[in-house]
């Protein structure tokens, strides 16, 4: 029997497509940043699938925030490391 509900990954791709006009209106550099941010959301698609009752945009934003926080933490660690 087939799925009656699209997977979160399919839903995410659909949302990204809906944001296509927004992306095209951005400057080229910002378009590249947009793509990287959407890749951050894809990193947590499996976890977002579990939260099916939550608004998909909430899990997309949370996924992006998690990835950005990891980058901030890495930068902090690099700046706290003693120089050789």
N, C-alpha and C. Protein backbone atom coordinates (compact mmCIF):
# COMPACT_ATOMS: atom_id res chain seq x y z
N UNK A 1 0.86 -1.17 0.00
CA UNK A 1 0.00 0.00 0.00
C UNK A 1 0.90 1.24 0.00
N UNK A 2 0.55 2.25 -0.77
CA UNK A 2 1.35 3.47 -0.89
C UNK A 2 1.16 4.41 0.29
N UNK A 3 2.05 5.35 0.39
CA UNK A 3 1.96 6.36 1.44
C UNK A 3 0.86 7.34 1.11
N UNK A 4 0.11 7.74 2.12
CA UNK A 4 -0.92 8.74 1.92
C UNK A 4 -0.43 10.13 2.30
N UNK A 5 0.65 10.17 3.05
CA UNK A 5 1.24 11.44 3.49
C UNK A 5 2.63 11.54 2.87
N UNK A 6 2.94 12.67 2.22
CA UNK A 6 4.28 12.78 1.63
C UNK A 6 5.34 12.79 2.73
N UNK A 7 6.52 12.28 2.41
CA UNK A 7 7.62 12.28 3.38
C UNK A 7 8.02 13.72 3.67
N UNK A 8 8.70 13.91 4.79
CA UNK A 8 9.15 15.25 5.14
C UNK A 8 10.12 15.78 4.10
N UNK A 9 10.96 14.90 3.58
CA UNK A 9 11.92 15.34 2.56
C UNK A 9 11.19 15.88 1.33
N UNK A 10 10.12 15.21 0.94
CA UNK A 10 9.33 15.69 -0.20
C UNK A 10 8.67 17.02 0.14
N UNK A 11 8.16 17.13 1.36
CA UNK A 11 7.53 18.38 1.80
C UNK A 11 8.56 19.51 1.83
N UNK A 12 9.74 19.22 2.34
CA UNK A 12 10.81 20.23 2.39
C UNK A 12 11.17 20.69 0.98
N UNK A 13 11.33 19.76 0.06
CA UNK A 13 11.64 20.13 -1.33
C UNK A 13 10.53 20.99 -1.92
N UNK A 14 9.29 20.67 -1.58
CA UNK A 14 8.15 21.46 -2.06
C UNK A 14 8.20 22.88 -1.50
N UNK A 15 8.52 23.02 -0.22
CA UNK A 15 8.61 24.34 0.41
C UNK A 15 9.74 25.14 -0.23
N UNK A 16 10.87 24.48 -0.48
CA UNK A 16 12.01 25.17 -1.11
C UNK A 16 11.62 25.64 -2.51
N UNK A 17 10.88 24.82 -3.23
CA UNK A 17 10.42 25.22 -4.57
C UNK A 17 9.47 26.42 -4.47
N UNK A 18 8.61 26.42 -3.47
CA UNK A 18 7.69 27.55 -3.28
C UNK A 18 8.44 28.84 -2.97
N UNK A 19 9.62 28.71 -2.38
CA UNK A 19 10.44 29.87 -2.07
C UNK A 19 11.33 30.29 -3.25
N UNK A 20 11.12 29.66 -4.39
CA UNK A 20 11.94 29.92 -5.57
C UNK A 20 11.95 31.38 -6.01
N UNK A 21 10.78 32.03 -6.01
CA UNK A 21 10.72 33.44 -6.40
C UNK A 21 11.52 34.31 -5.43
N UNK A 22 11.40 33.98 -4.14
CA UNK A 22 12.16 34.70 -3.12
C UNK A 22 13.65 34.54 -3.38
N UNK A 23 14.08 33.31 -3.63
CA UNK A 23 15.50 33.04 -3.87
C UNK A 23 15.98 33.81 -5.09
N UNK A 24 15.22 33.78 -6.18
CA UNK A 24 15.63 34.47 -7.40
C UNK A 24 15.73 35.98 -7.21
N UNK A 25 14.98 36.53 -6.26
CA UNK A 25 15.01 37.97 -6.00
C UNK A 25 16.23 38.37 -5.17
N UNK A 26 16.92 37.41 -4.59
CA UNK A 26 18.11 37.68 -3.78
C UNK A 26 19.31 37.96 -4.68
N UNK A 27 20.29 38.63 -4.13
CA UNK A 27 21.58 38.79 -4.81
C UNK A 27 22.22 37.42 -4.96
N UNK A 28 23.10 37.29 -5.94
CA UNK A 28 23.70 35.98 -6.21
C UNK A 28 24.37 35.38 -4.97
N UNK A 29 25.13 36.18 -4.24
CA UNK A 29 25.80 35.67 -3.02
C UNK A 29 24.76 35.19 -2.02
N UNK A 30 23.68 35.94 -1.87
CA UNK A 30 22.63 35.56 -0.93
C UNK A 30 21.90 34.30 -1.40
N UNK A 31 21.81 34.10 -2.71
CA UNK A 31 21.22 32.87 -3.23
C UNK A 31 22.05 31.66 -2.81
N UNK A 32 23.36 31.82 -2.84
CA UNK A 32 24.24 30.73 -2.41
C UNK A 32 24.08 30.46 -0.92
N UNK A 33 23.92 31.51 -0.14
CA UNK A 33 23.69 31.35 1.30
C UNK A 33 22.34 30.67 1.53
N UNK A 34 21.33 31.07 0.78
CA UNK A 34 20.01 30.44 0.87
C UNK A 34 20.13 28.93 0.64
N UNK A 35 20.87 28.54 -0.40
CA UNK A 35 21.05 27.11 -0.68
C UNK A 35 21.74 26.39 0.47
N UNK A 36 22.75 27.02 1.06
CA UNK A 36 23.44 26.40 2.20
C UNK A 36 22.50 26.25 3.39
N UNK A 37 21.65 27.25 3.60
CA UNK A 37 20.70 27.18 4.72
C UNK A 37 19.70 26.06 4.50
N UNK A 38 19.22 25.91 3.28
CA UNK A 38 18.28 24.83 2.99
C UNK A 38 18.96 23.47 3.15
N UNK A 39 20.26 23.40 2.85
CA UNK A 39 21.00 22.17 3.09
C UNK A 39 21.05 21.86 4.59
N UNK A 40 21.12 22.91 5.41
CA UNK A 40 21.09 22.71 6.86
C UNK A 40 19.77 22.07 7.28
N UNK A 41 18.69 22.53 6.69
CA UNK A 41 17.37 21.96 7.01
C UNK A 41 17.32 20.49 6.59
N UNK A 42 17.93 20.18 5.46
CA UNK A 42 17.94 18.78 4.98
C UNK A 42 18.70 17.86 5.93
N UNK A 43 19.70 18.42 6.62
CA UNK A 43 20.51 17.62 7.56
C UNK A 43 19.65 16.97 8.64
N UNK A 44 18.52 17.57 8.96
CA UNK A 44 17.70 17.08 10.06
C UNK A 44 16.32 16.61 9.60
N UNK A 45 16.22 16.25 8.33
CA UNK A 45 14.94 15.81 7.79
C UNK A 45 14.41 14.57 8.51
N UNK A 46 15.29 13.67 8.89
CA UNK A 46 14.85 12.46 9.59
C UNK A 46 14.21 12.80 10.92
N UNK A 47 14.82 13.71 11.66
CA UNK A 47 14.24 14.11 12.95
C UNK A 47 12.93 14.85 12.74
N UNK A 48 12.85 15.63 11.68
CA UNK A 48 11.62 16.37 11.39
C UNK A 48 10.47 15.44 11.04
N UNK A 49 10.79 14.29 10.47
CA UNK A 49 9.76 13.31 10.13
C UNK A 49 9.04 12.84 11.38
N UNK A 50 9.78 12.72 12.47
CA UNK A 50 9.20 12.24 13.73
C UNK A 50 8.23 13.27 14.30
N UNK A 51 8.45 14.53 14.01
CA UNK A 51 7.61 15.61 14.54
C UNK A 51 6.53 15.99 13.52
N UNK A 52 5.84 15.01 12.99
CA UNK A 52 4.88 15.23 11.92
C UNK A 52 3.74 16.18 12.30
N UNK A 53 3.38 16.24 13.58
CA UNK A 53 2.27 17.09 13.99
C UNK A 53 2.65 18.56 14.10
N UNK A 54 3.95 18.85 14.06
CA UNK A 54 4.44 20.21 14.19
C UNK A 54 4.45 20.86 12.81
N UNK A 55 4.25 22.18 12.77
CA UNK A 55 4.33 22.91 11.51
C UNK A 55 5.70 22.65 10.88
N UNK A 56 5.74 22.24 9.62
CA UNK A 56 7.03 21.93 8.99
C UNK A 56 8.03 23.09 9.04
N UNK A 57 7.56 24.31 8.94
CA UNK A 57 8.48 25.44 8.99
C UNK A 57 9.16 25.54 10.35
N UNK A 58 8.48 25.12 11.41
CA UNK A 58 9.10 25.14 12.73
C UNK A 58 10.30 24.20 12.77
N UNK A 59 10.15 23.00 12.23
CA UNK A 59 11.27 22.06 12.26
C UNK A 59 12.37 22.49 11.29
N UNK A 60 11.99 23.14 10.19
CA UNK A 60 13.01 23.65 9.26
C UNK A 60 13.86 24.71 9.96
N UNK A 61 13.20 25.65 10.61
CA UNK A 61 13.92 26.72 11.30
C UNK A 61 14.77 26.15 12.44
N UNK A 62 14.24 25.22 13.19
CA UNK A 62 15.02 24.60 14.27
C UNK A 62 16.24 23.87 13.72
N UNK A 63 16.08 23.18 12.62
CA UNK A 63 17.20 22.47 12.00
C UNK A 63 18.30 23.44 11.60
N UNK A 64 17.90 24.56 11.01
CA UNK A 64 18.88 25.58 10.61
C UNK A 64 19.58 26.15 11.83
N UNK A 65 18.81 26.44 12.89
CA UNK A 65 19.41 26.99 14.11
C UNK A 65 20.39 26.01 14.74
N UNK A 66 20.07 24.73 14.72
CA UNK A 66 20.98 23.71 15.28
C UNK A 66 22.30 23.72 14.52
N UNK A 67 22.22 23.73 13.19
CA UNK A 67 23.44 23.73 12.38
C UNK A 67 24.25 25.01 12.59
N UNK A 68 23.57 26.14 12.68
CA UNK A 68 24.28 27.40 12.91
C UNK A 68 24.93 27.42 14.29
N UNK A 69 24.25 26.88 15.28
CA UNK A 69 24.83 26.84 16.62
C UNK A 69 26.05 25.94 16.65
N UNK A 70 26.02 24.85 15.92
CA UNK A 70 27.20 23.98 15.84
C UNK A 70 28.37 24.74 15.22
N UNK A 71 28.09 25.55 14.20
CA UNK A 71 29.16 26.33 13.58
C UNK A 71 29.71 27.37 14.56
N UNK A 72 28.83 28.00 15.32
CA UNK A 72 29.26 28.98 16.33
C UNK A 72 30.13 28.29 17.38
N UNK A 73 29.69 27.13 17.84
CA UNK A 73 30.46 26.38 18.84
C UNK A 73 31.84 26.03 18.31
N UNK A 74 31.91 25.60 17.04
CA UNK A 74 33.20 25.26 16.43
C UNK A 74 34.11 26.49 16.37
N UNK A 75 33.55 27.63 16.02
CA UNK A 75 34.34 28.87 15.96
C UNK A 75 34.86 29.25 17.34
N UNK A 76 34.01 29.09 18.36
CA UNK A 76 34.42 29.39 19.73
C UNK A 76 35.57 28.48 20.17
N UNK A 77 35.44 27.20 19.85
CA UNK A 77 36.49 26.25 20.21
C UNK A 77 37.80 26.61 19.52
N UNK A 78 37.71 27.00 18.25
CA UNK A 78 38.91 27.36 17.51
C UNK A 78 39.57 28.61 18.10
N UNK A 79 38.77 29.56 18.54
CA UNK A 79 39.34 30.80 19.09
C UNK A 79 39.86 30.59 20.51
N UNK A 80 39.35 29.59 21.22
CA UNK A 80 39.80 29.30 22.58
C UNK A 80 41.04 28.41 22.59
N UNK A 81 41.33 27.76 21.48
CA UNK A 81 42.47 26.86 21.43
C UNK A 81 43.77 27.66 21.49
N UNK A 82 44.73 27.16 22.27
CA UNK A 82 46.01 27.87 22.37
C UNK A 82 46.76 27.82 21.05
N UNK A 83 47.43 28.90 20.74
CA UNK A 83 48.23 28.96 19.50
C UNK A 83 49.49 28.16 19.68
N UNK A 84 49.94 27.46 18.63
CA UNK A 84 51.18 26.67 18.75
C UNK A 84 52.42 27.52 18.78
